[in-house]
Amino acid sequence: MPKKGLSLIEIIVSLVIMSITMVGLVNIFISARRHILHARTRMTGGELGKYFLDPLQMEVRQDTWDNNSLSVRPPYNGTNQTIERINYRPIYNITSVNNTTLRRVVVDIVWNETIP
């Protein structure tokens, strides 16, 4: 007469296979979450760069502006922006363009990213 049902060894093997599969899926979800958080902080940094550069276009005249203009005007006076517990800090680099009176301003946004 054939036996019906599963033996203990078959149940243990199926549980081991299922647990290995579940651990793999959990690792995929954790790495995807880290990637999404990193992409979100990069997007926020880009938006803050735009926030720090846009007023220069509207408020600054080329003939009266020098390197000290960034240090006395908000938001350029080194103020950091904290968004979702991440501190973003602007760093400005000002260079002349081809030895003319034109200036190029590059802002780098620096932050410390914590990995959950």
Protein backbone atom coordinates (compact mmCIF):
# COMPACT_ATOMS: atom_id res chain seq x y z
CA MET A 1 0.00 0.00 0.00
CA PRO A 2 1.52 3.44 -0.98
CA LYS A 3 2.09 6.00 1.74
CA LYS A 4 0.15 9.23 1.62
CA GLY A 5 1.56 12.53 2.90
CA LEU A 6 5.01 14.05 3.26
CA SER A 7 7.93 12.83 5.28
CA LEU A 8 9.80 15.04 7.75
CA ILE A 9 12.82 15.25 5.43
CA GLU A 10 10.68 16.54 2.54
CA ILE A 11 9.12 19.20 4.76
CA ILE A 12 12.54 20.36 6.05
CA VAL A 13 13.99 20.53 2.52
CA SER A 14 11.03 22.55 1.26
CA LEU A 15 11.33 24.95 4.25
CA VAL A 16 15.05 25.45 3.57
CA ILE A 17 14.39 26.20 -0.11
CA MET A 18 11.59 28.60 0.79
CA SER A 19 13.71 30.41 3.42
CA ILE A 20 16.61 30.86 0.98
CA THR A 21 14.19 32.33 -1.56
CA MET A 22 12.70 34.68 1.04
CA VAL A 23 16.14 35.91 2.17
CA GLY A 24 17.00 36.71 -1.45
CA LEU A 25 13.78 38.64 -1.94
CA VAL A 26 14.29 40.61 1.28
CA ASN A 27 17.81 41.58 0.13
CA ILE A 28 16.41 42.79 -3.19
CA PHE A 29 13.82 44.96 -1.40
CA ILE A 30 16.44 46.42 0.96
CA SER A 31 18.82 47.32 -1.87
CA ALA A 32 15.94 48.85 -3.88
CA ARG A 33 14.99 50.99 -0.88
CA ARG A 34 18.58 52.24 -0.54
CA HIS A 35 18.69 53.07 -4.23
CA ILE A 36 15.42 55.00 -4.01
CA LEU A 37 16.60 56.99 -0.97
CA HIS A 38 19.90 57.81 -2.70
CA ALA A 39 18.07 58.95 -5.85
CA ARG A 40 15.76 61.12 -3.73
CA THR A 41 18.70 62.88 -2.03
CA ARG A 42 20.37 63.48 -5.40
CA MET A 43 17.16 65.02 -6.77
CA THR A 44 16.85 67.22 -3.69
CA GLY A 45 20.47 68.33 -4.13
CA GLY A 46 19.77 69.28 -7.74
CA GLU A 47 16.70 71.26 -6.79
CA LEU A 48 18.63 73.08 -4.07
CA GLY A 49 21.35 73.92 -6.58
CA LYS A 50 18.69 75.55 -8.73
CA TYR A 51 17.34 77.31 -5.63
CA PHE A 52 20.78 78.79 -4.88
CA LEU A 53 21.58 79.81 -8.48
CA ASP A 54 18.26 81.21 -9.69
CA PRO A 55 18.36 84.45 -7.66
CA LEU A 56 21.76 85.29 -9.15
CA GLN A 57 20.11 85.57 -12.54
CA MET A 58 17.50 88.01 -11.32
CA GLU A 59 19.27 90.12 -8.69
CA VAL A 60 22.88 90.54 -9.72
CA ARG A 61 24.22 93.06 -12.21
CA GLN A 62 27.44 92.05 -13.93
CA ASP A 63 29.09 95.46 -13.63
CA THR A 64 28.58 95.77 -9.85
CA TRP A 65 29.04 92.19 -8.76
CA ASP A 66 32.20 90.68 -7.33
CA ASN A 67 33.12 87.56 -5.36
CA ASN A 68 31.93 89.12 -2.09
CA SER A 69 28.35 89.38 -3.36
CA LEU A 70 27.75 85.76 -2.45
CA SER A 71 28.92 86.19 1.13
CA VAL A 72 26.54 88.99 2.10
CA ARG A 73 23.28 87.97 0.43
CA PRO A 74 20.97 85.30 1.69
CA PRO A 75 20.74 82.43 0.80
CA TYR A 76 24.38 82.52 -0.32
CA ASN A 77 26.04 83.31 2.99
CA GLY A 78 26.82 79.69 3.76
CA THR A 79 23.39 78.82 5.07
CA ASN A 80 22.71 75.12 5.02
CA GLN A 81 19.36 73.62 4.18
CA THR A 82 18.11 70.66 6.20
CA ILE A 83 15.50 68.52 4.49
CA GLU A 84 14.33 65.18 5.91
CA ARG A 85 17.19 65.16 8.44
CA ILE A 86 19.84 65.58 5.71
CA ASN A 87 21.97 68.72 5.83
CA TYR A 88 22.73 70.17 2.36
CA ARG A 89 25.56 72.73 2.10
CA PRO A 90 26.26 74.89 -0.98
CA ILE A 91 29.83 75.50 -2.16
CA TYR A 92 30.30 78.23 -4.76
CA ASN A 93 33.10 78.39 -7.34
CA ILE A 94 33.42 81.69 -9.22
CA THR A 95 35.66 81.98 -12.30
CA SER A 96 36.14 84.54 -15.05
CA VAL A 97 35.18 83.59 -18.59
CA ASN A 98 38.02 84.05 -21.12
CA ASN A 99 39.58 86.97 -19.19
CA THR A 100 36.47 89.13 -19.62
CA THR A 101 34.17 90.76 -17.11
CA LEU A 102 31.83 87.80 -17.41
CA ARG A 103 31.80 85.38 -14.51
CA ARG A 104 30.75 81.78 -14.23
CA VAL A 105 29.28 80.59 -10.95
CA VAL A 106 29.17 76.88 -10.21
CA VAL A 107 27.46 75.65 -7.08
CA ASP A 108 28.17 72.22 -5.63
CA ILE A 109 25.72 70.84 -3.10
CA VAL A 110 27.37 68.66 -0.47
CA TRP A 111 25.53 66.39 1.96
CA ASN A 112 26.19 63.48 4.25
CA GLU A 113 24.00 60.60 3.32
CA THR A 114 23.20 57.98 5.92
CA ILE A 115 22.57 54.48 4.67
CA PRO A 116 19.67 52.85 6.48
